[in-house]
N, C-alpha and C. Protein backbone atom coordinates (compact mmCIF):
# COMPACT_ATOMS: atom_id res chain seq x y z
N MET A 1 0.83 -1.18 0.00
CA MET A 1 0.00 0.00 0.00
C MET A 1 0.88 1.24 0.00
N ALA A 2 0.33 2.33 -0.47
CA ALA A 2 1.10 3.56 -0.58
C ALA A 2 1.35 4.20 0.77
N ASP A 3 0.51 3.92 1.78
CA ASP A 3 0.70 4.58 3.07
C ASP A 3 1.63 3.82 3.99
N GLU A 4 2.21 2.70 3.54
CA GLU A 4 3.16 1.97 4.37
C GLU A 4 4.52 2.64 4.31
N PRO A 5 5.25 2.67 5.42
CA PRO A 5 6.59 3.23 5.39
C PRO A 5 7.49 2.40 4.48
N GLY A 6 8.36 3.05 3.78
CA GLY A 6 9.27 2.35 2.89
C GLY A 6 8.64 1.99 1.55
N GLY A 7 7.52 2.56 1.24
CA GLY A 7 6.89 2.32 -0.04
C GLY A 7 6.24 0.95 -0.16
N GLY A 8 5.95 0.30 0.96
CA GLY A 8 5.29 -0.98 0.90
C GLY A 8 6.23 -2.15 0.75
N ASP A 9 7.52 -1.90 0.75
CA ASP A 9 8.49 -2.98 0.62
C ASP A 9 8.69 -3.64 1.98
N ARG A 10 8.12 -4.84 2.15
CA ARG A 10 8.19 -5.50 3.45
C ARG A 10 9.61 -5.96 3.78
N TRP A 11 10.46 -6.16 2.78
CA TRP A 11 11.83 -6.59 3.06
C TRP A 11 12.69 -5.44 3.57
N GLY A 12 12.23 -4.21 3.46
CA GLY A 12 13.00 -3.07 3.92
C GLY A 12 12.86 -2.82 5.41
N GLN A 13 12.01 -3.54 6.08
CA GLN A 13 11.80 -3.32 7.51
C GLN A 13 12.77 -4.17 8.32
N PRO A 14 13.41 -3.59 9.35
CA PRO A 14 14.37 -4.35 10.14
C PRO A 14 13.74 -5.51 10.90
N GLY A 15 12.48 -5.38 11.28
CA GLY A 15 11.83 -6.45 12.02
C GLY A 15 11.67 -7.72 11.20
N VAL A 16 11.56 -7.57 9.89
CA VAL A 16 11.42 -8.73 9.02
C VAL A 16 12.70 -9.56 9.05
N ALA A 17 13.84 -8.90 9.04
CA ALA A 17 15.11 -9.62 9.08
C ALA A 17 15.24 -10.42 10.37
N TRP A 18 14.84 -9.84 11.48
CA TRP A 18 14.91 -10.56 12.75
C TRP A 18 13.91 -11.71 12.79
N ASN A 19 12.75 -11.54 12.17
CA ASN A 19 11.78 -12.63 12.09
C ASN A 19 12.32 -13.79 11.27
N VAL A 20 12.98 -13.48 10.15
CA VAL A 20 13.56 -14.53 9.31
C VAL A 20 14.66 -15.27 10.06
N ILE A 21 15.53 -14.52 10.74
CA ILE A 21 16.60 -15.15 11.52
C ILE A 21 16.02 -16.02 12.63
N GLY A 22 14.99 -15.51 13.29
CA GLY A 22 14.36 -16.27 14.37
C GLY A 22 13.71 -17.54 13.87
N LEU A 23 13.05 -17.47 12.72
CA LEU A 23 12.44 -18.67 12.15
C LEU A 23 13.50 -19.72 11.79
N LEU A 24 14.58 -19.28 11.18
CA LEU A 24 15.63 -20.22 10.81
C LEU A 24 16.28 -20.86 12.04
N LEU A 25 16.63 -20.04 13.01
CA LEU A 25 17.26 -20.59 14.22
C LEU A 25 16.30 -21.46 15.01
N GLY A 26 15.05 -21.03 15.09
CA GLY A 26 14.07 -21.81 15.82
C GLY A 26 13.84 -23.17 15.18
N GLY A 27 13.74 -23.20 13.86
CA GLY A 27 13.56 -24.48 13.17
C GLY A 27 14.75 -25.40 13.36
N LEU A 28 15.95 -24.83 13.23
CA LEU A 28 17.15 -25.65 13.40
C LEU A 28 17.28 -26.17 14.83
N LEU A 29 17.03 -25.31 15.80
CA LEU A 29 17.17 -25.73 17.19
C LEU A 29 16.09 -26.74 17.60
N ALA A 30 14.86 -26.49 17.20
CA ALA A 30 13.78 -27.39 17.60
C ALA A 30 13.93 -28.76 16.96
N TRP A 31 14.04 -28.81 15.64
CA TRP A 31 14.11 -30.09 14.96
C TRP A 31 15.47 -30.76 15.14
N GLY A 32 16.53 -29.97 15.24
CA GLY A 32 17.84 -30.55 15.55
C GLY A 32 17.84 -31.16 16.94
N GLY A 33 17.18 -30.49 17.89
CA GLY A 33 17.07 -31.05 19.24
C GLY A 33 16.27 -32.33 19.27
N ILE A 34 15.19 -32.38 18.49
CA ILE A 34 14.41 -33.61 18.41
C ILE A 34 15.25 -34.73 17.81
N GLY A 35 16.00 -34.42 16.77
CA GLY A 35 16.89 -35.42 16.17
C GLY A 35 17.95 -35.90 17.14
N TYR A 36 18.51 -34.98 17.90
CA TYR A 36 19.52 -35.35 18.90
C TYR A 36 18.91 -36.28 19.96
N LEU A 37 17.72 -35.94 20.42
CA LEU A 37 17.06 -36.78 21.42
C LEU A 37 16.73 -38.16 20.87
N LEU A 38 16.32 -38.23 19.61
CA LEU A 38 16.06 -39.53 19.00
C LEU A 38 17.33 -40.35 18.87
N ASP A 39 18.44 -39.70 18.53
CA ASP A 39 19.72 -40.40 18.49
C ASP A 39 20.06 -40.99 19.85
N ARG A 40 19.89 -40.20 20.88
CA ARG A 40 20.19 -40.68 22.24
C ARG A 40 19.24 -41.80 22.67
N LEU A 41 17.97 -41.67 22.30
CA LEU A 41 16.97 -42.65 22.70
C LEU A 41 17.20 -44.00 22.03
N PHE A 42 17.50 -44.00 20.75
CA PHE A 42 17.65 -45.24 20.01
C PHE A 42 19.09 -45.73 19.92
N GLY A 43 20.04 -44.99 20.45
CA GLY A 43 21.43 -45.42 20.49
C GLY A 43 22.20 -45.22 19.19
N PHE A 44 21.68 -44.41 18.29
CA PHE A 44 22.41 -44.12 17.06
C PHE A 44 23.42 -43.03 17.31
N ARG A 45 24.34 -42.92 16.39
CA ARG A 45 25.36 -41.89 16.53
C ARG A 45 25.37 -41.02 15.27
N GLY A 46 24.61 -39.96 15.32
CA GLY A 46 24.59 -39.02 14.20
C GLY A 46 23.69 -39.42 13.06
N LEU A 47 22.58 -40.08 13.33
CA LEU A 47 21.64 -40.43 12.26
C LEU A 47 20.49 -39.43 12.19
N PHE A 48 19.82 -39.21 13.31
CA PHE A 48 18.63 -38.37 13.31
C PHE A 48 18.95 -36.89 13.45
N LEU A 49 20.08 -36.54 14.00
CA LEU A 49 20.44 -35.12 14.14
C LEU A 49 20.54 -34.42 12.79
N PRO A 50 21.28 -34.95 11.81
CA PRO A 50 21.29 -34.27 10.51
C PRO A 50 19.92 -34.25 9.83
N ILE A 51 19.15 -35.32 10.00
CA ILE A 51 17.80 -35.35 9.43
C ILE A 51 16.95 -34.26 10.07
N GLY A 52 17.05 -34.11 11.38
CA GLY A 52 16.31 -33.07 12.07
C GLY A 52 16.72 -31.67 11.65
N LEU A 53 18.01 -31.47 11.44
CA LEU A 53 18.48 -30.16 10.99
C LEU A 53 17.97 -29.83 9.60
N ILE A 54 17.96 -30.82 8.72
CA ILE A 54 17.46 -30.59 7.36
C ILE A 54 15.96 -30.32 7.38
N VAL A 55 15.21 -31.08 8.17
CA VAL A 55 13.77 -30.86 8.27
C VAL A 55 13.48 -29.48 8.86
N GLY A 56 14.23 -29.09 9.89
CA GLY A 56 14.04 -27.78 10.50
C GLY A 56 14.35 -26.64 9.55
N ALA A 57 15.43 -26.75 8.79
CA ALA A 57 15.78 -25.71 7.83
C ALA A 57 14.75 -25.63 6.71
N ALA A 58 14.33 -26.79 6.20
CA ALA A 58 13.34 -26.80 5.12
C ALA A 58 12.01 -26.23 5.60
N GLY A 59 11.60 -26.59 6.80
CA GLY A 59 10.35 -26.06 7.34
C GLY A 59 10.41 -24.56 7.55
N ALA A 60 11.53 -24.08 8.04
CA ALA A 60 11.69 -22.64 8.26
C ALA A 60 11.68 -21.88 6.93
N ILE A 61 12.36 -22.41 5.94
CA ILE A 61 12.38 -21.75 4.63
C ILE A 61 10.97 -21.74 4.03
N TYR A 62 10.25 -22.84 4.19
CA TYR A 62 8.87 -22.87 3.71
C TYR A 62 8.02 -21.80 4.39
N LEU A 63 8.14 -21.67 5.70
CA LEU A 63 7.37 -20.66 6.41
C LEU A 63 7.76 -19.24 5.99
N ILE A 64 9.03 -19.02 5.73
CA ILE A 64 9.48 -17.71 5.28
C ILE A 64 8.88 -17.38 3.91
N ILE A 65 8.87 -18.36 3.02
CA ILE A 65 8.30 -18.14 1.69
C ILE A 65 6.81 -17.87 1.79
N VAL A 66 6.12 -18.64 2.62
CA VAL A 66 4.67 -18.44 2.76
C VAL A 66 4.37 -17.08 3.36
N ARG A 67 5.15 -16.68 4.36
CA ARG A 67 4.86 -15.44 5.07
C ARG A 67 5.30 -14.21 4.30
N TYR A 68 6.47 -14.25 3.68
CA TYR A 68 7.03 -13.03 3.09
C TYR A 68 7.20 -13.11 1.57
N GLY A 69 6.96 -14.25 0.96
CA GLY A 69 7.21 -14.40 -0.46
C GLY A 69 6.10 -13.90 -1.35
N LYS A 70 4.88 -13.86 -0.86
CA LYS A 70 3.76 -13.45 -1.69
C LYS A 70 3.42 -11.99 -1.41
N PRO A 71 3.25 -11.21 -2.48
CA PRO A 71 2.87 -9.81 -2.26
C PRO A 71 1.42 -9.72 -1.78
N ARG A 72 1.18 -8.76 -0.94
CA ARG A 72 -0.18 -8.54 -0.47
C ARG A 72 -1.00 -7.88 -1.57
N GLY A 73 -2.26 -8.22 -1.58
CA GLY A 73 -3.06 -7.54 -2.58
C GLY A 73 -4.27 -8.22 -2.95
């Protein structure tokens, strides 16, 4: 919209950058932690942790695209 600061460019707002960083770190920490716990529970050594990290990163990127990738209108 024309009345938004920065001409309506949502990527120009500093809060968006922190939201993106938070989503990425949150996804990595949450799913990586679940993978680590599954490794400990089942006695594997480094099987579920990388899977959890990949799932967390992919999920976070998906959420970023859904939230910020489509223009409003």
